[in-house]
Amino acid sequence: MTLGPLMIDVQGLALTEEERERLADPLVGGVILFARNFQDRGQLRALTAEIRAVRHPAPLIAVDQEGGRVQRFRAGFTVLPALRWLGHEYDQDADRGRHLAFACGWIMAAELVEDGIDLSFAPCVDLDWGVSGVIGDRALHRDPEAVASLALSYMQGMRAAGMAAVAKHFPGHGAVTADSHHELPVDRRSLAEIDEDITPYRRLIDHGLAAVMVAHLQFPRIDARIASLSPLWLRGQLRQRLGFQGAIFTDDLSMAGAAVGGSVSGRVRLALEAGADMALVCNDPTAAAATLADLAGFSDPAAHARLVALRARPPRDQGLPALRESRDWQQATAQLAAALGRPSLELHG
């Protein structure tokens, strides 16, 4: 059995029998968790173990744990700042900003890996053009070189903890006001005009970026198709122009911004034909079931190989202390707490 091209969600704190059957489908390659799937670390560990036991190879397990307002797991986890804070630190002292970015990436990834999570969809490398509410303080900086530098340090911190980075939202969501959760954002710039937005991807790819998440954005001066469903963006720009060899994820294809692709199963098929390795379908189990039926027999061995490479690889030996008892974690969280001006680092719960 292989890792299939579909990442879906589950509804609660444990799997239902129907969800076990769905996750056993060979077309499912991943599960994304949300705040509703989290009560405490013990429950999370039980849920991730339950997901892994459904099939072999086990589905990839992912979450959005960027920090700031996008942090799904909080009780018992380090409360991370929004990425924009790292940009402010960088402006005061570039070296300190990079060290803190490394620490944030490492803390975030190490804590997730310990509880059975393979991927966090991070870092967000959209430029802060000052117009996007949905991006806002999720952006590291306005300067593409600052974003590239901080994101590279963040990625290296994740890698040191055993987790691959997933840069998002390609080719860049920061210059549009519309929120693709609710409508299709349209960016009327030319390819030359959005080169700044692509700069962080170029830098990260040069340093071994493992995965990219593509946004539901339309650039009508470049291509009529939205980026997540576009061979021009996925095969032409990412694979050929930028030389990207890692895995390509779509953003959630249940979002309104992807509606131009027709039914959800139709959107998934278009995304895979365009060059995506894994398509997300979230918060719509009926659409997920229909998509599995529609894709029956689909196979992409090259995509499977790219996805398998994303499995978390915790560097810690079992003989060492638990993560939160380790000197590395204590030093990293103390460094972050001091920079944030906290008397001690908050752990919610």
Protein backbone atom coordinates (compact mmCIF):
# COMPACT_ATOMS: atom_id res chain seq x y z
CA MET A 1 0.00 0.00 0.00
CA THR A 2 1.18 3.55 -0.76
CA LEU A 3 0.50 7.00 0.62
CA GLY A 4 -2.38 8.24 -1.49
CA PRO A 5 -2.97 11.80 -2.73
CA LEU A 6 -5.72 12.87 -0.33
CA MET A 7 -5.39 14.47 3.12
CA ILE A 8 -8.63 14.55 5.10
CA ASP A 9 -9.75 15.41 8.62
CA VAL A 10 -11.58 13.65 11.47
CA GLN A 11 -14.30 15.05 13.66
CA GLY A 12 -13.46 14.38 17.29
CA LEU A 13 -10.99 13.30 19.96
CA ALA A 14 -10.94 9.68 18.80
CA LEU A 15 -11.73 7.89 15.55
CA THR A 16 -15.17 6.59 14.71
CA GLU A 17 -15.53 3.26 12.93
CA GLU A 18 -16.53 5.10 9.75
CA GLU A 19 -13.37 7.20 9.96
CA ARG A 20 -11.19 4.12 10.43
CA GLU A 21 -12.66 2.63 7.28
CA ARG A 22 -12.10 5.84 5.35
CA LEU A 23 -8.49 6.22 6.52
CA ALA A 24 -7.80 2.65 5.44
CA ASP A 25 -8.54 3.60 1.82
CA PRO A 26 -5.24 3.48 -0.15
CA LEU A 27 -6.06 6.88 -1.67
CA VAL A 28 -5.77 8.53 1.76
CA GLY A 29 -2.24 9.63 2.49
CA GLY A 30 -2.71 12.07 5.33
CA VAL A 31 -4.85 13.38 8.18
CA ILE A 32 -4.96 17.01 9.28
CA LEU A 33 -5.92 17.75 12.88
CA PHE A 34 -7.66 20.85 14.23
CA ALA A 35 -8.29 22.36 17.69
CA ARG A 36 -11.46 20.23 17.95
CA ASN A 37 -9.25 17.11 17.85
CA PHE A 38 -7.21 18.22 20.86
CA GLN A 39 -8.00 18.01 24.56
CA ASP A 40 -4.61 17.39 26.13
CA ARG A 41 -1.30 15.75 25.24
CA GLY A 42 -2.32 12.31 26.47
CA GLN A 43 -5.44 12.32 24.31
CA LEU A 44 -3.42 13.62 21.32
CA ARG A 45 -0.88 10.83 21.65
CA ALA A 46 -3.68 8.27 21.79
CA LEU A 47 -5.32 9.75 18.68
CA THR A 48 -2.12 9.86 16.64
CA ALA A 49 -1.34 6.26 17.65
CA GLU A 50 -4.87 5.26 16.63
CA ILE A 51 -4.45 6.92 13.23
CA ARG A 52 -1.11 5.21 12.64
CA ALA A 53 -2.54 1.82 13.53
CA VAL A 54 -5.21 1.99 10.81
CA ARG A 55 -2.93 1.04 7.92
CA HIS A 56 0.64 0.61 6.66
CA PRO A 57 2.25 2.84 5.71
CA ALA A 58 0.54 5.06 8.25
CA PRO A 59 -0.97 8.32 6.97
CA LEU A 60 1.03 11.48 7.46
CA ILE A 61 -0.42 13.47 10.38
CA ALA A 62 -0.40 17.25 10.04
CA VAL A 63 -1.56 20.38 11.85
CA ASP A 64 -1.32 24.17 11.56
CA GLN A 65 0.91 25.18 14.50
CA GLU A 66 2.44 28.44 13.28
CA GLY A 67 2.07 30.36 16.53
CA GLY A 68 0.07 33.49 17.26
CA ARG A 69 -3.58 33.12 16.25
CA VAL A 70 -2.83 29.96 14.24
CA GLN A 71 -1.84 27.44 16.90
CA ARG A 72 -4.23 24.50 17.16
CA PHE A 73 -2.69 22.82 20.22
CA ARG A 74 -2.13 24.98 23.32
CA ALA A 75 -2.64 23.16 26.62
CA GLY A 76 0.75 21.71 27.53
CA PHE A 77 2.44 23.24 24.48
CA THR A 78 4.67 26.29 24.36
CA VAL A 79 2.63 29.36 23.43
CA LEU A 80 4.44 30.63 20.34
CA PRO A 81 4.42 34.23 19.09
CA ALA A 82 3.03 35.23 15.72
CA LEU A 83 5.73 35.15 13.04
CA ARG A 84 5.62 38.94 12.63
CA TRP A 85 7.24 39.21 16.09
CA LEU A 86 10.31 37.51 14.64
CA GLY A 87 10.41 40.18 11.95
CA HIS A 88 10.39 42.91 14.59
CA GLU A 89 13.26 41.20 16.42
CA TYR A 90 15.15 40.91 13.13
CA ASP A 91 14.80 44.66 12.56
CA GLN A 92 16.44 45.34 15.93
CA ASP A 93 19.18 42.72 15.55
CA ALA A 94 19.28 40.43 12.52
CA ASP A 95 21.38 37.73 14.19
CA ARG A 96 19.09 37.65 17.23
CA GLY A 97 16.06 37.45 14.95
CA ARG A 98 17.52 34.45 13.14
CA HIS A 99 18.44 32.71 16.41
CA LEU A 100 14.91 33.21 17.71
CA ALA A 101 13.44 31.95 14.43
CA PHE A 102 15.54 28.79 14.76
CA ALA A 103 14.36 28.39 18.37
CA CYS A 104 10.69 28.85 17.46
CA GLY A 105 10.95 26.35 14.62
CA TRP A 106 12.73 23.84 16.83
CA ILE A 107 10.35 24.17 19.80
CA MET A 108 7.25 23.94 17.63
CA ALA A 109 8.49 20.89 15.73
CA ALA A 110 10.06 19.05 18.68
CA GLU A 111 6.88 19.29 20.75
CA LEU A 112 4.69 18.05 17.88
CA VAL A 113 7.00 15.21 16.88
CA GLU A 114 7.05 13.94 20.46
CA ASP A 115 3.26 13.55 20.34
CA GLY A 116 3.11 11.78 16.99
CA ILE A 117 2.70 14.64 14.49
CA ASP A 118 4.67 14.49 11.23
CA LEU A 119 4.08 17.95 9.79
CA SER A 120 3.15 21.47 10.73
CA PHE A 121 2.17 23.55 7.71
CA ALA A 122 4.81 26.17 8.42
CA PRO A 123 6.45 28.56 7.93
CA CYS A 124 4.19 31.11 6.28
CA VAL A 125 6.46 33.04 3.89
CA ASP A 126 3.92 35.46 2.44
CA LEU A 127 5.23 39.04 2.31
CA ASP A 128 3.54 41.55 4.59
CA TRP A 129 2.13 43.97 2.03
CA GLY A 130 -0.17 45.40 4.69
CA VAL A 131 -3.43 44.56 2.91
CA SER A 132 -4.28 40.94 3.79
CA GLY A 133 -6.30 40.39 6.95
CA VAL A 134 -6.11 36.61 6.74
CA ILE A 135 -2.29 36.78 6.56
CA GLY A 136 -1.61 39.85 8.71
CA ASP A 137 0.77 39.02 11.55
CA ARG A 138 1.35 35.53 10.15
CA ALA A 139 3.83 37.19 7.76
CA LEU A 140 7.42 37.50 8.91
CA HIS A 141 8.24 40.79 7.20
CA ARG A 142 7.65 43.00 4.16
CA ASP A 143 11.25 42.67 2.92
CA PRO A 144 11.67 39.45 0.88
CA GLU A 145 15.29 39.09 1.96
CA ALA A 146 14.29 39.33 5.63
CA VAL A 147 11.52 36.76 5.09
CA ALA A 148 13.94 34.43 3.31
CA SER A 149 16.56 34.74 6.05
CA LEU A 150 14.14 34.22 8.93
CA ALA A 151 12.27 31.40 7.18
CA LEU A 152 15.53 29.60 6.47
CA SER A 153 16.47 29.71 10.16
CA TYR A 154 12.97 28.57 11.11
CA MET A 155 13.20 25.68 8.62
CA GLN A 156 16.59 24.69 9.99
CA GLY A 157 15.17 24.64 13.52
CA MET A 158 12.35 22.36 12.36
CA ARG A 159 14.82 20.11 10.59
CA ALA A 160 16.97 19.83 13.73
CA ALA A 161 13.86 18.57 15.56
CA GLY A 162 13.15 15.95 12.89
CA MET A 163 10.35 17.70 10.98
CA ALA A 164 10.22 18.86 7.37
CA ALA A 165 9.12 22.43 6.61
CA VAL A 166 6.13 23.27 4.40
CA ALA A 167 6.44 26.81 3.04
CA LYS A 168 3.16 28.54 2.23
CA HIS A 169 1.13 30.05 0.53
CA PHE A 170 2.77 29.77 -2.91
CA PRO A 171 3.14 31.90 -4.95
CA GLY A 172 2.21 34.55 -2.35
CA HIS A 173 -1.02 35.50 -0.54
CA GLY A 174 0.11 38.74 1.09
CA ALA A 175 -0.77 41.25 -1.65
CA VAL A 176 -4.51 40.56 -1.92
CA THR A 177 -7.29 41.66 0.42
CA ALA A 178 -9.69 38.77 -0.25
CA ASP A 179 -9.59 35.70 2.01
CA SER A 180 -9.52 32.49 -0.04
CA HIS A 181 -11.53 30.74 2.68
CA HIS A 182 -14.52 32.81 1.55
CA GLU A 183 -13.83 34.09 -1.99
CA LEU A 184 -11.31 33.91 -4.81
CA PRO A 185 -8.48 36.45 -4.39
CA VAL A 186 -7.33 37.98 -7.68
CA ASP A 187 -3.82 39.43 -8.02
CA ARG A 188 -3.41 41.46 -11.21
CA ARG A 189 0.36 41.81 -11.11
CA SER A 190 2.66 40.37 -13.78
CA LEU A 191 5.14 37.57 -13.16
CA ALA A 192 7.97 40.09 -12.95
CA GLU A 193 6.02 42.13 -10.41
CA ILE A 194 5.53 39.18 -8.04
CA ASP A 195 9.17 38.11 -8.12
CA GLU A 196 9.65 39.54 -4.63
CA ASP A 197 6.96 37.19 -3.31
CA ILE A 198 8.76 34.21 -4.83
CA THR A 199 12.18 35.15 -3.42
CA PRO A 200 11.72 33.27 -0.10
CA TYR A 201 10.77 30.09 -1.97
CA ARG A 202 13.85 30.40 -4.16
CA ARG A 203 16.10 30.68 -1.09
CA LEU A 204 14.44 27.82 0.80
CA ILE A 205 14.48 25.54 -2.24
CA ASP A 206 18.21 26.18 -2.63
CA HIS A 207 18.57 24.89 0.96
CA GLY A 208 16.53 21.71 0.55
CA LEU A 209 12.94 22.78 1.23
CA ALA A 210 10.90 19.57 1.54
CA ALA A 211 7.36 20.78 0.77
CA VAL A 212 5.26 23.69 -0.44
CA MET A 213 1.56 24.50 0.03
CA VAL A 214 -0.09 26.23 -2.94
CA ALA A 215 -2.82 28.84 -2.48
CA HIS A 216 -6.14 29.38 -4.24
CA LEU A 217 -5.19 32.62 -5.99
CA GLN A 218 -5.75 33.81 -9.53
CA PHE A 219 -3.12 35.81 -11.42
CA PRO A 220 -5.02 36.61 -14.64
CA ARG A 221 -2.02 38.30 -16.31
CA ILE A 222 -0.09 35.03 -15.89
CA ASP A 223 -2.64 32.20 -16.10
CA ALA A 224 -6.43 31.89 -16.18
CA ARG A 225 -6.36 28.95 -13.76
CA ILE A 226 -5.98 29.47 -10.03
CA ALA A 227 -2.50 28.59 -8.77
CA SER A 228 -3.57 25.44 -6.90
CA LEU A 229 -5.07 23.95 -10.08
CA SER A 230 -2.51 25.28 -12.56
CA PRO A 231 0.11 23.23 -14.46
CA LEU A 232 1.83 26.53 -15.26
CA TRP A 233 2.36 27.29 -11.57
CA LEU A 234 3.03 23.77 -10.30
CA ARG A 235 5.00 22.20 -13.13
CA GLY A 236 6.17 25.34 -14.91
CA GLN A 237 7.13 27.67 -12.08
CA LEU A 238 7.74 25.38 -9.09
CA ARG A 239 9.26 22.33 -10.77
CA GLN A 240 10.96 23.79 -13.84
CA ARG A 241 11.78 27.43 -13.11
CA LEU A 242 12.59 27.05 -9.39
CA GLY A 243 13.85 23.46 -9.59
CA PHE A 244 11.71 22.31 -6.67
CA GLN A 245 11.96 18.55 -6.06
CA GLY A 246 9.89 18.24 -2.88
CA ALA A 247 6.20 17.56 -2.24
CA ILE A 248 3.43 19.91 -3.35
CA PHE A 249 0.29 20.29 -1.19
CA THR A 250 -2.81 22.23 -2.11
CA ASP A 251 -4.52 24.40 0.44
CA ASP A 252 -7.93 23.04 1.49
CA LEU A 253 -9.90 22.45 -1.70
CA SER A 254 -13.19 22.79 0.20
CA MET A 255 -12.49 26.53 0.50
CA ALA A 256 -14.58 28.96 -1.51
CA GLY A 257 -11.50 30.22 -3.33
CA ALA A 258 -11.23 26.87 -5.11
CA ALA A 259 -14.88 26.75 -6.20
CA VAL A 260 -13.96 27.71 -9.77
CA GLY A 261 -12.70 24.13 -10.13
CA GLY A 262 -16.22 22.67 -9.91
CA SER A 263 -17.11 19.92 -7.45
CA VAL A 264 -14.61 19.14 -4.70
CA SER A 265 -13.69 15.84 -6.35
CA GLY A 266 -13.27 17.72 -9.64
CA ARG A 267 -10.97 20.23 -7.95
CA VAL A 268 -8.86 17.41 -6.51
CA ARG A 269 -8.50 15.75 -9.90
CA LEU A 270 -7.50 19.05 -11.53
CA ALA A 271 -4.93 19.71 -8.80
CA LEU A 272 -3.36 16.28 -9.18
CA GLU A 273 -3.30 16.59 -12.97
CA ALA A 274 -1.63 19.99 -12.57
CA GLY A 275 1.18 18.46 -10.52
CA ALA A 276 0.11 18.44 -6.86
CA ASP A 277 1.21 15.45 -4.79
CA MET A 278 -1.43 15.76 -2.06
CA ALA A 279 -4.76 17.58 -2.00
CA LEU A 280 -6.46 18.68 1.22
CA VAL A 281 -10.22 18.23 1.69
CA CYS A 282 -11.28 19.48 5.11
CA ASN A 283 -14.52 19.84 7.06
CA ASP A 284 -16.60 18.08 4.41
CA PRO A 285 -16.72 14.30 4.96
CA THR A 286 -19.33 13.87 2.24
CA ALA A 287 -17.03 15.50 -0.30
CA ALA A 288 -14.10 13.43 0.97
CA ALA A 289 -16.07 10.21 0.44
CA ALA A 290 -17.14 11.32 -3.05
CA THR A 291 -13.55 12.19 -3.92
CA LEU A 292 -12.30 8.76 -2.83
CA ALA A 293 -14.90 7.14 -5.06
CA ASP A 294 -14.03 9.41 -8.00
CA LEU A 295 -10.28 8.77 -7.73
CA ALA A 296 -10.53 4.96 -7.52
CA GLY A 297 -7.48 3.45 -9.17
CA PHE A 298 -5.39 6.64 -9.13
CA SER A 299 -1.67 6.02 -8.62
CA ASP A 300 1.44 8.24 -8.66
CA PRO A 301 4.58 6.42 -7.46
CA ALA A 302 6.74 9.56 -7.71
CA ALA A 303 4.34 11.48 -5.47
CA HIS A 304 4.34 8.58 -2.99
CA ALA A 305 8.14 8.76 -2.75
CA ARG A 306 8.06 12.51 -2.12
CA LEU A 307 5.38 12.12 0.56
CA VAL A 308 7.13 9.25 2.37
CA ALA A 309 10.19 11.47 2.71
CA LEU A 310 8.12 13.85 4.88
CA ARG A 311 7.68 11.39 7.75
CA ALA A 312 8.92 12.93 11.02
CA ARG A 313 12.24 11.57 12.20
CA PRO A 314 12.70 12.41 15.88
CA PRO A 315 16.43 12.74 16.58
CA ARG A 316 16.11 11.92 20.27
CA ASP A 317 17.09 8.47 21.56
CA GLN A 318 14.59 6.66 23.77
CA GLY A 319 17.16 6.53 26.53
CA LEU A 320 17.19 10.34 26.85
CA PRO A 321 14.85 12.30 29.14
CA ALA A 322 11.41 13.29 27.87
CA LEU A 323 11.56 16.42 25.71
CA ARG A 324 10.28 18.82 28.36
CA GLU A 325 12.83 17.47 30.82
CA SER A 326 15.71 17.95 28.39
CA ARG A 327 18.28 20.73 28.64
CA ASP A 328 17.73 21.61 24.94
CA TRP A 329 14.03 22.32 25.46
CA GLN A 330 14.59 24.20 28.70
CA GLN A 331 17.26 26.41 27.13
CA ALA A 332 15.22 27.09 23.97
CA THR A 333 12.05 27.98 25.85
CA ALA A 334 13.98 30.14 28.31
CA GLN A 335 15.58 32.01 25.38
CA LEU A 336 12.15 32.61 23.87
CA ALA A 337 10.64 33.67 27.20
CA ALA A 338 13.42 36.17 27.83
CA ALA A 339 13.01 37.68 24.35
CA LEU A 340 9.26 37.98 24.83
CA GLY A 341 9.74 39.61 28.21
CA ARG A 342 7.86 36.89 30.04
CA PRO A 343 8.93 36.03 33.60
CA SER A 344 8.63 32.37 32.59
CA LEU A 345 7.38 30.77 29.41
CA GLU A 346 3.65 30.19 29.47
CA LEU A 347 2.30 26.72 28.99
CA HIS A 348 -1.47 26.95 28.71
CA GLY A 349 -3.42 24.38 30.64
